[in-house]
N, C-alpha and C. Protein backbone atom coordinates (compact mmCIF):
# COMPACT_ATOMS: atom_id res chain seq x y z
N MET A 1 21.04 163.21 -54.17
CA MET A 1 21.52 161.86 -53.91
C MET A 1 21.80 161.71 -52.42
N GLU A 2 21.50 160.56 -51.89
CA GLU A 2 21.72 160.32 -50.47
C GLU A 2 23.21 160.25 -50.16
N LYS A 3 23.57 160.61 -48.97
CA LYS A 3 24.98 160.73 -48.61
C LYS A 3 25.72 159.39 -48.59
N ASN A 4 25.03 158.28 -48.36
CA ASN A 4 25.69 156.98 -48.28
C ASN A 4 25.73 156.22 -49.59
N ILE A 5 25.29 156.83 -50.69
CA ILE A 5 25.22 156.15 -51.97
C ILE A 5 26.21 156.78 -52.94
N PRO A 6 27.15 155.97 -53.45
CA PRO A 6 28.10 156.50 -54.42
C PRO A 6 27.39 157.03 -55.66
N GLU A 7 27.93 158.07 -56.26
CA GLU A 7 27.33 158.66 -57.46
C GLU A 7 27.16 157.60 -58.55
N GLY A 8 26.01 157.64 -59.19
CA GLY A 8 25.71 156.69 -60.26
C GLY A 8 25.08 155.39 -59.79
N MET A 9 25.04 155.17 -58.47
CA MET A 9 24.44 153.95 -57.92
C MET A 9 23.09 154.28 -57.30
N THR A 10 22.19 153.31 -57.32
CA THR A 10 20.88 153.49 -56.71
C THR A 10 20.92 153.21 -55.22
N PHE A 11 21.77 152.29 -54.81
CA PHE A 11 21.82 151.86 -53.42
C PHE A 11 23.21 152.07 -52.85
N GLY A 12 23.27 152.05 -51.54
CA GLY A 12 24.53 152.09 -50.84
C GLY A 12 25.01 150.67 -50.56
N LYS A 13 25.61 150.49 -49.42
CA LYS A 13 26.24 149.24 -49.03
C LYS A 13 25.23 148.11 -48.84
N LEU A 14 25.58 146.94 -49.38
CA LEU A 14 24.81 145.73 -49.10
C LEU A 14 24.94 145.43 -47.62
N ALA A 15 23.82 145.30 -46.93
CA ALA A 15 23.84 145.13 -45.48
C ALA A 15 23.38 143.75 -45.04
N GLN A 16 22.59 143.08 -45.90
CA GLN A 16 21.93 141.87 -45.43
C GLN A 16 21.58 140.95 -46.59
N ILE A 17 21.63 139.66 -46.33
CA ILE A 17 21.11 138.66 -47.25
C ILE A 17 20.00 137.93 -46.50
N GLY A 18 18.81 137.88 -47.10
CA GLY A 18 17.67 137.23 -46.49
C GLY A 18 17.40 135.89 -47.15
N VAL A 19 17.34 134.84 -46.34
CA VAL A 19 17.13 133.49 -46.83
C VAL A 19 15.84 132.93 -46.24
N VAL A 20 14.94 132.49 -47.11
CA VAL A 20 13.69 131.87 -46.68
C VAL A 20 13.96 130.39 -46.45
N VAL A 21 13.50 129.89 -45.29
CA VAL A 21 13.72 128.49 -44.92
C VAL A 21 12.40 127.85 -44.48
N LYS A 22 12.34 126.53 -44.59
CA LYS A 22 11.14 125.80 -44.13
C LYS A 22 11.14 125.62 -42.62
N ASP A 23 12.34 125.42 -42.04
CA ASP A 23 12.45 125.11 -40.62
C ASP A 23 13.60 125.92 -40.03
N LEU A 24 13.26 126.97 -39.32
CA LEU A 24 14.25 127.89 -38.76
C LEU A 24 15.20 127.17 -37.80
N ASP A 25 14.66 126.40 -36.89
CA ASP A 25 15.49 125.75 -35.88
C ASP A 25 16.47 124.76 -36.51
N LYS A 26 15.99 123.97 -37.46
CA LYS A 26 16.84 123.00 -38.14
C LYS A 26 17.95 123.71 -38.93
N THR A 27 17.61 124.82 -39.58
CA THR A 27 18.59 125.58 -40.36
C THR A 27 19.65 126.18 -39.45
N ILE A 28 19.23 126.76 -38.33
CA ILE A 28 20.19 127.32 -37.36
C ILE A 28 21.12 126.23 -36.85
N GLU A 29 20.55 125.08 -36.53
CA GLU A 29 21.36 123.97 -36.02
C GLU A 29 22.43 123.55 -37.03
N ARG A 30 22.03 123.43 -38.29
CA ARG A 30 22.96 123.00 -39.34
C ARG A 30 24.04 124.04 -39.60
N LEU A 31 23.63 125.31 -39.72
CA LEU A 31 24.61 126.37 -39.99
C LEU A 31 25.57 126.55 -38.82
N THR A 32 25.08 126.42 -37.61
CA THR A 32 25.93 126.52 -36.42
C THR A 32 26.95 125.39 -36.41
N ALA A 33 26.50 124.17 -36.77
CA ALA A 33 27.42 123.03 -36.83
C ALA A 33 28.52 123.26 -37.87
N LEU A 34 28.20 124.06 -38.90
CA LEU A 34 29.20 124.38 -39.93
C LEU A 34 30.07 125.58 -39.58
N GLY A 35 29.84 126.17 -38.40
CA GLY A 35 30.69 127.26 -37.93
C GLY A 35 30.15 128.66 -38.16
N LEU A 36 28.91 128.79 -38.61
CA LEU A 36 28.30 130.11 -38.78
C LEU A 36 27.54 130.48 -37.53
N GLY A 37 27.38 131.80 -37.32
CA GLY A 37 26.61 132.26 -36.16
C GLY A 37 27.52 133.02 -35.22
N PRO A 38 27.05 133.26 -34.01
CA PRO A 38 25.81 132.76 -33.44
C PRO A 38 24.58 133.45 -34.04
N PHE A 39 23.46 132.74 -34.01
CA PHE A 39 22.19 133.27 -34.48
C PHE A 39 21.38 133.75 -33.30
N LYS A 40 20.68 134.86 -33.53
CA LYS A 40 19.82 135.42 -32.49
C LYS A 40 18.40 135.48 -33.06
N LYS A 41 17.50 134.74 -32.44
CA LYS A 41 16.10 134.81 -32.85
C LYS A 41 15.53 136.14 -32.39
N SER A 42 14.68 136.74 -33.21
CA SER A 42 14.13 138.06 -32.90
C SER A 42 12.67 138.15 -33.27
N LYS A 43 12.05 139.11 -32.67
CA LYS A 43 10.71 139.55 -33.07
C LYS A 43 10.88 140.96 -33.62
N LEU A 44 10.03 141.34 -34.55
CA LEU A 44 10.06 142.69 -35.07
C LEU A 44 9.25 143.59 -34.14
N PRO A 45 9.57 144.89 -34.09
CA PRO A 45 8.86 145.79 -33.17
C PRO A 45 7.35 145.77 -33.43
N GLU A 46 6.60 145.56 -32.36
CA GLU A 46 5.13 145.48 -32.46
C GLU A 46 4.50 146.82 -32.85
N ASP A 47 5.22 147.93 -32.59
CA ASP A 47 4.64 149.24 -32.88
C ASP A 47 4.92 149.74 -34.29
N ASN A 48 5.61 148.92 -35.11
CA ASN A 48 5.79 149.30 -36.52
C ASN A 48 4.43 149.33 -37.21
N VAL A 49 4.28 150.22 -38.15
CA VAL A 49 3.09 150.27 -39.00
C VAL A 49 3.49 149.62 -40.32
N GLU A 50 2.92 148.44 -40.60
CA GLU A 50 3.35 147.68 -41.77
C GLU A 50 2.19 147.36 -42.69
N PHE A 51 2.52 147.30 -43.98
CA PHE A 51 1.54 146.95 -45.01
C PHE A 51 2.17 145.94 -45.95
N TYR A 52 1.41 144.89 -46.27
CA TYR A 52 1.83 143.88 -47.23
C TYR A 52 0.79 143.86 -48.34
N ARG A 53 1.26 144.17 -49.55
CA ARG A 53 0.37 144.31 -50.71
C ARG A 53 -0.80 145.25 -50.40
N GLY A 54 -0.47 146.35 -49.71
CA GLY A 54 -1.44 147.41 -49.43
C GLY A 54 -2.37 147.17 -48.26
N LYS A 55 -2.25 146.03 -47.59
CA LYS A 55 -3.13 145.71 -46.46
C LYS A 55 -2.32 145.67 -45.18
N PRO A 56 -2.93 146.07 -44.04
CA PRO A 56 -2.21 146.02 -42.76
C PRO A 56 -1.61 144.63 -42.52
N PHE A 57 -0.42 144.64 -41.94
CA PHE A 57 0.36 143.41 -41.82
C PHE A 57 0.99 143.35 -40.43
N LYS A 58 0.92 142.19 -39.79
CA LYS A 58 1.56 141.94 -38.50
C LYS A 58 2.64 140.88 -38.72
N PRO A 59 3.89 141.29 -38.92
CA PRO A 59 4.94 140.34 -39.30
C PRO A 59 5.19 139.24 -38.28
N ASN A 60 5.02 139.54 -37.00
CA ASN A 60 5.30 138.51 -35.99
C ASN A 60 4.26 137.39 -36.03
N ASP A 61 3.13 137.62 -36.69
CA ASP A 61 2.14 136.56 -36.91
C ASP A 61 2.44 135.79 -38.20
N ALA A 62 3.38 136.27 -39.00
CA ALA A 62 3.62 135.71 -40.33
C ALA A 62 5.00 135.09 -40.52
N VAL A 63 5.98 135.47 -39.70
CA VAL A 63 7.34 134.94 -39.87
C VAL A 63 8.04 134.73 -38.54
N ARG A 64 8.96 133.79 -38.54
CA ARG A 64 9.94 133.62 -37.46
C ARG A 64 11.28 134.00 -38.08
N ILE A 65 12.09 134.77 -37.37
CA ILE A 65 13.36 135.23 -37.93
C ILE A 65 14.52 135.04 -36.95
N ALA A 66 15.70 134.92 -37.54
CA ALA A 66 16.93 134.88 -36.76
C ALA A 66 18.01 135.59 -37.58
N PHE A 67 18.95 136.21 -36.87
CA PHE A 67 20.02 136.97 -37.51
C PHE A 67 21.39 136.48 -37.03
N ALA A 68 22.36 136.59 -37.93
CA ALA A 68 23.76 136.38 -37.57
C ALA A 68 24.59 137.38 -38.36
N GLU A 69 25.69 137.81 -37.81
CA GLU A 69 26.64 138.68 -38.51
C GLU A 69 27.71 137.81 -39.14
N LEU A 70 27.97 138.05 -40.40
CA LEU A 70 29.01 137.31 -41.12
C LEU A 70 29.98 138.32 -41.74
N GLY A 71 31.00 138.67 -41.00
CA GLY A 71 32.01 139.58 -41.53
C GLY A 71 31.45 140.93 -41.95
N GLY A 72 30.56 141.49 -41.16
CA GLY A 72 29.98 142.80 -41.47
C GLY A 72 28.72 142.74 -42.32
N LEU A 73 28.33 141.56 -42.72
CA LEU A 73 27.12 141.37 -43.52
C LEU A 73 26.12 140.57 -42.68
N GLY A 74 24.88 141.02 -42.63
CA GLY A 74 23.87 140.31 -41.87
C GLY A 74 23.28 139.16 -42.67
N LEU A 75 23.10 138.03 -42.01
CA LEU A 75 22.38 136.90 -42.58
C LEU A 75 21.07 136.78 -41.83
N GLU A 76 19.97 136.97 -42.55
CA GLU A 76 18.64 136.88 -41.94
C GLU A 76 17.98 135.59 -42.44
N LEU A 77 17.60 134.73 -41.52
CA LEU A 77 16.86 133.52 -41.83
C LEU A 77 15.39 133.79 -41.52
N ILE A 78 14.51 133.44 -42.45
CA ILE A 78 13.08 133.74 -42.30
C ILE A 78 12.27 132.48 -42.57
N GLN A 79 11.50 132.05 -41.57
CA GLN A 79 10.58 130.93 -41.73
C GLN A 79 9.17 131.49 -41.78
N PRO A 80 8.49 131.38 -42.93
CA PRO A 80 7.11 131.86 -43.01
C PRO A 80 6.17 130.96 -42.18
N ILE A 81 5.27 131.60 -41.45
CA ILE A 81 4.24 130.87 -40.71
C ILE A 81 2.84 131.40 -41.05
N GLY A 82 2.79 132.38 -41.94
CA GLY A 82 1.53 132.96 -42.38
C GLY A 82 1.75 133.75 -43.66
N PRO A 83 0.68 134.34 -44.19
CA PRO A 83 0.80 135.12 -45.44
C PRO A 83 1.84 136.23 -45.32
N SER A 84 2.75 136.28 -46.31
CA SER A 84 3.84 137.26 -46.31
C SER A 84 4.58 137.12 -47.64
N PRO A 85 5.45 138.08 -47.96
CA PRO A 85 6.29 137.92 -49.15
C PRO A 85 7.16 136.67 -49.05
N HIS A 86 7.50 136.30 -47.83
CA HIS A 86 8.36 135.14 -47.60
C HIS A 86 7.61 133.85 -47.89
N LYS A 87 6.34 133.79 -47.52
CA LYS A 87 5.50 132.62 -47.82
C LYS A 87 5.30 132.50 -49.32
N GLU A 88 5.07 133.64 -49.98
CA GLU A 88 4.95 133.63 -51.45
C GLU A 88 6.21 133.03 -52.07
N TYR A 89 7.36 133.46 -51.60
CA TYR A 89 8.63 132.98 -52.15
C TYR A 89 8.77 131.48 -51.92
N LEU A 90 8.53 131.03 -50.69
CA LEU A 90 8.68 129.61 -50.37
C LEU A 90 7.73 128.76 -51.21
N ASP A 91 6.49 129.21 -51.35
CA ASP A 91 5.50 128.45 -52.13
C ASP A 91 5.86 128.39 -53.61
N GLU A 92 6.41 129.47 -54.16
CA GLU A 92 6.70 129.55 -55.59
C GLU A 92 8.08 129.00 -55.96
N LYS A 93 9.07 129.19 -55.07
CA LYS A 93 10.45 128.88 -55.45
C LYS A 93 11.15 127.91 -54.52
N GLY A 94 10.59 127.68 -53.36
CA GLY A 94 11.26 126.85 -52.36
C GLY A 94 12.22 127.67 -51.52
N GLU A 95 13.04 126.98 -50.75
CA GLU A 95 13.99 127.66 -49.88
C GLU A 95 15.08 128.34 -50.72
N GLY A 96 15.62 129.44 -50.18
CA GLY A 96 16.73 130.09 -50.86
C GLY A 96 16.84 131.56 -50.55
N ILE A 97 17.78 132.20 -51.24
CA ILE A 97 18.00 133.64 -51.05
C ILE A 97 16.80 134.38 -51.63
N GLN A 98 16.10 135.08 -50.77
CA GLN A 98 14.89 135.80 -51.17
C GLN A 98 15.16 137.29 -51.38
N HIS A 99 16.02 137.87 -50.55
CA HIS A 99 16.25 139.31 -50.72
C HIS A 99 17.68 139.72 -50.39
N LEU A 100 18.02 140.87 -50.98
CA LEU A 100 19.24 141.59 -50.63
C LEU A 100 18.80 142.87 -49.93
N GLY A 101 19.37 143.13 -48.77
CA GLY A 101 19.02 144.33 -48.01
C GLY A 101 20.08 145.38 -48.11
N PHE A 102 19.66 146.61 -48.41
CA PHE A 102 20.58 147.74 -48.56
C PHE A 102 20.21 148.84 -47.58
N HIS A 103 21.21 149.42 -46.93
CA HIS A 103 20.97 150.59 -46.08
C HIS A 103 20.73 151.80 -46.97
N VAL A 104 19.74 152.60 -46.63
CA VAL A 104 19.46 153.86 -47.32
C VAL A 104 19.21 154.94 -46.28
N ASP A 105 19.40 156.19 -46.67
CA ASP A 105 19.15 157.31 -45.76
C ASP A 105 17.66 157.61 -45.65
N ASN A 106 16.93 157.43 -46.74
CA ASN A 106 15.50 157.74 -46.76
C ASN A 106 14.80 156.66 -47.58
N VAL A 107 14.07 155.79 -46.91
CA VAL A 107 13.45 154.65 -47.59
C VAL A 107 12.40 155.08 -48.61
N VAL A 108 11.67 156.15 -48.34
CA VAL A 108 10.63 156.61 -49.27
C VAL A 108 11.28 157.12 -50.56
N GLU A 109 12.31 157.96 -50.42
CA GLU A 109 12.99 158.49 -51.61
C GLU A 109 13.69 157.39 -52.40
N ALA A 110 14.35 156.46 -51.70
CA ALA A 110 15.05 155.38 -52.40
C ALA A 110 14.06 154.48 -53.13
N ALA A 111 12.93 154.16 -52.49
CA ALA A 111 11.91 153.33 -53.15
C ALA A 111 11.35 154.03 -54.38
N LYS A 112 11.16 155.34 -54.28
CA LYS A 112 10.64 156.09 -55.43
C LYS A 112 11.64 156.07 -56.59
N ARG A 113 12.94 156.24 -56.28
CA ARG A 113 13.97 156.19 -57.33
C ARG A 113 13.92 154.86 -58.09
N VAL A 114 13.70 153.78 -57.35
CA VAL A 114 13.68 152.46 -57.98
C VAL A 114 12.38 152.24 -58.74
N THR A 115 11.25 152.56 -58.13
CA THR A 115 9.96 152.32 -58.80
C THR A 115 9.79 153.22 -60.01
N ASP A 116 10.39 154.40 -60.00
CA ASP A 116 10.31 155.30 -61.15
C ASP A 116 11.00 154.70 -62.39
N LYS A 117 11.89 153.74 -62.20
CA LYS A 117 12.57 153.10 -63.32
C LYS A 117 11.64 152.12 -64.04
N GLY A 118 10.50 151.80 -63.41
CA GLY A 118 9.52 150.90 -64.03
C GLY A 118 9.82 149.43 -63.77
N GLY A 119 8.77 148.62 -63.81
CA GLY A 119 8.92 147.19 -63.66
C GLY A 119 9.19 146.71 -62.25
N VAL A 120 8.99 147.59 -61.27
CA VAL A 120 9.26 147.27 -59.87
C VAL A 120 7.96 147.41 -59.09
N THR A 121 7.68 146.42 -58.23
CA THR A 121 6.46 146.43 -57.42
C THR A 121 6.82 146.52 -55.95
N VAL A 122 6.14 147.39 -55.21
CA VAL A 122 6.33 147.47 -53.76
C VAL A 122 5.46 146.38 -53.13
N LEU A 123 6.12 145.44 -52.44
CA LEU A 123 5.40 144.34 -51.80
C LEU A 123 5.04 144.66 -50.36
N LEU A 124 5.95 145.32 -49.65
CA LEU A 124 5.77 145.53 -48.22
C LEU A 124 6.43 146.85 -47.83
N THR A 125 5.79 147.56 -46.93
CA THR A 125 6.39 148.75 -46.33
C THR A 125 6.22 148.67 -44.82
N ALA A 126 7.16 149.23 -44.11
CA ALA A 126 7.09 149.29 -42.65
C ALA A 126 7.66 150.62 -42.20
N LYS A 127 6.97 151.23 -41.27
CA LYS A 127 7.44 152.50 -40.71
C LYS A 127 7.57 152.31 -39.20
N SER A 128 8.72 152.69 -38.69
CA SER A 128 9.00 152.58 -37.27
C SER A 128 8.60 153.87 -36.56
N LYS A 129 8.22 153.74 -35.31
CA LYS A 129 7.90 154.93 -34.50
C LYS A 129 9.13 155.81 -34.30
N THR A 130 10.33 155.22 -34.47
CA THR A 130 11.57 155.97 -34.28
C THR A 130 12.02 156.67 -35.55
N GLY A 131 11.25 156.53 -36.65
CA GLY A 131 11.57 157.24 -37.87
C GLY A 131 12.17 156.41 -38.97
N GLY A 132 12.60 155.20 -38.66
CA GLY A 132 13.15 154.33 -39.69
C GLY A 132 12.05 153.59 -40.43
N GLY A 133 12.47 152.68 -41.27
CA GLY A 133 11.49 151.88 -41.99
C GLY A 133 12.15 150.98 -43.00
N VAL A 134 11.34 150.16 -43.65
CA VAL A 134 11.81 149.28 -44.70
C VAL A 134 10.81 149.25 -45.84
N ALA A 135 11.29 148.84 -47.00
CA ALA A 135 10.42 148.58 -48.15
C ALA A 135 10.96 147.35 -48.85
N TYR A 136 10.05 146.45 -49.19
CA TYR A 136 10.39 145.28 -50.00
C TYR A 136 9.98 145.58 -51.42
N LEU A 137 10.92 145.47 -52.35
CA LEU A 137 10.65 145.77 -53.76
C LEU A 137 10.90 144.54 -54.62
N ASP A 138 9.86 144.08 -55.30
CA ASP A 138 10.01 143.01 -56.29
C ASP A 138 10.57 143.68 -57.54
N ILE A 139 11.79 143.33 -57.92
CA ILE A 139 12.45 144.03 -59.03
C ILE A 139 12.04 143.52 -60.40
N GLY A 140 11.17 142.51 -60.43
CA GLY A 140 10.60 142.07 -61.70
C GLY A 140 11.47 141.12 -62.50
N THR A 141 12.52 140.57 -61.89
CA THR A 141 13.37 139.60 -62.58
C THR A 141 14.06 138.71 -61.55
N SER A 142 14.32 137.52 -61.92
CA SER A 142 15.11 136.56 -61.15
C SER A 142 14.50 136.16 -59.81
N GLY A 143 13.29 136.62 -59.51
CA GLY A 143 12.65 136.28 -58.25
C GLY A 143 13.27 136.98 -57.05
N LEU A 144 14.18 137.91 -57.29
CA LEU A 144 14.90 138.58 -56.21
C LEU A 144 14.15 139.82 -55.75
N ILE A 145 14.19 140.04 -54.44
CA ILE A 145 13.58 141.21 -53.82
C ILE A 145 14.70 142.07 -53.24
N PHE A 146 14.55 143.39 -53.37
CA PHE A 146 15.45 144.32 -52.70
C PHE A 146 14.72 144.81 -51.46
N GLU A 147 15.41 144.76 -50.32
CA GLU A 147 14.88 145.34 -49.09
C GLU A 147 15.67 146.62 -48.83
N LEU A 148 14.97 147.73 -48.77
CA LEU A 148 15.59 149.01 -48.44
C LEU A 148 15.40 149.22 -46.94
N ILE A 149 16.49 149.53 -46.24
CA ILE A 149 16.48 149.59 -44.78
C ILE A 149 16.94 150.98 -44.33
N GLN A 150 16.07 151.68 -43.63
CA GLN A 150 16.41 152.98 -43.06
C GLN A 150 16.38 152.87 -41.55
N HIS A 151 17.52 153.19 -40.91
CA HIS A 151 17.58 153.14 -39.43
C HIS A 151 17.23 154.48 -38.85
């Protein structure tokens, strides 16, 4: 079992909530007016090796993103601009909470633990040159995706 995961649990601490939006700038403006933020627009590292549904993927060609910290929990806003799990979500369900992100010590081992339970599909994987990575897992219910995050 990974050191950051309590016994009997599959994941450790909830680190992030990912929300798919139609218009990133408009959403940031509205949330900022309501007292959330500040939001920081970001690009994902260009040297990540990423795959979406088993095919090479360039996320910066597919999404615009912004982050804010909310009391120790990250809020990630994602506007799809090309094929991606986020575009699939927006097309099928509209705007809303698309994923919960959990920190893990080893993304490969954590993804295997979850997929071994059955009914889970790996949508996206990313490996960083620095050794970290992420995996998007469709858990097969409620339209919710788990993002496993290894720093």
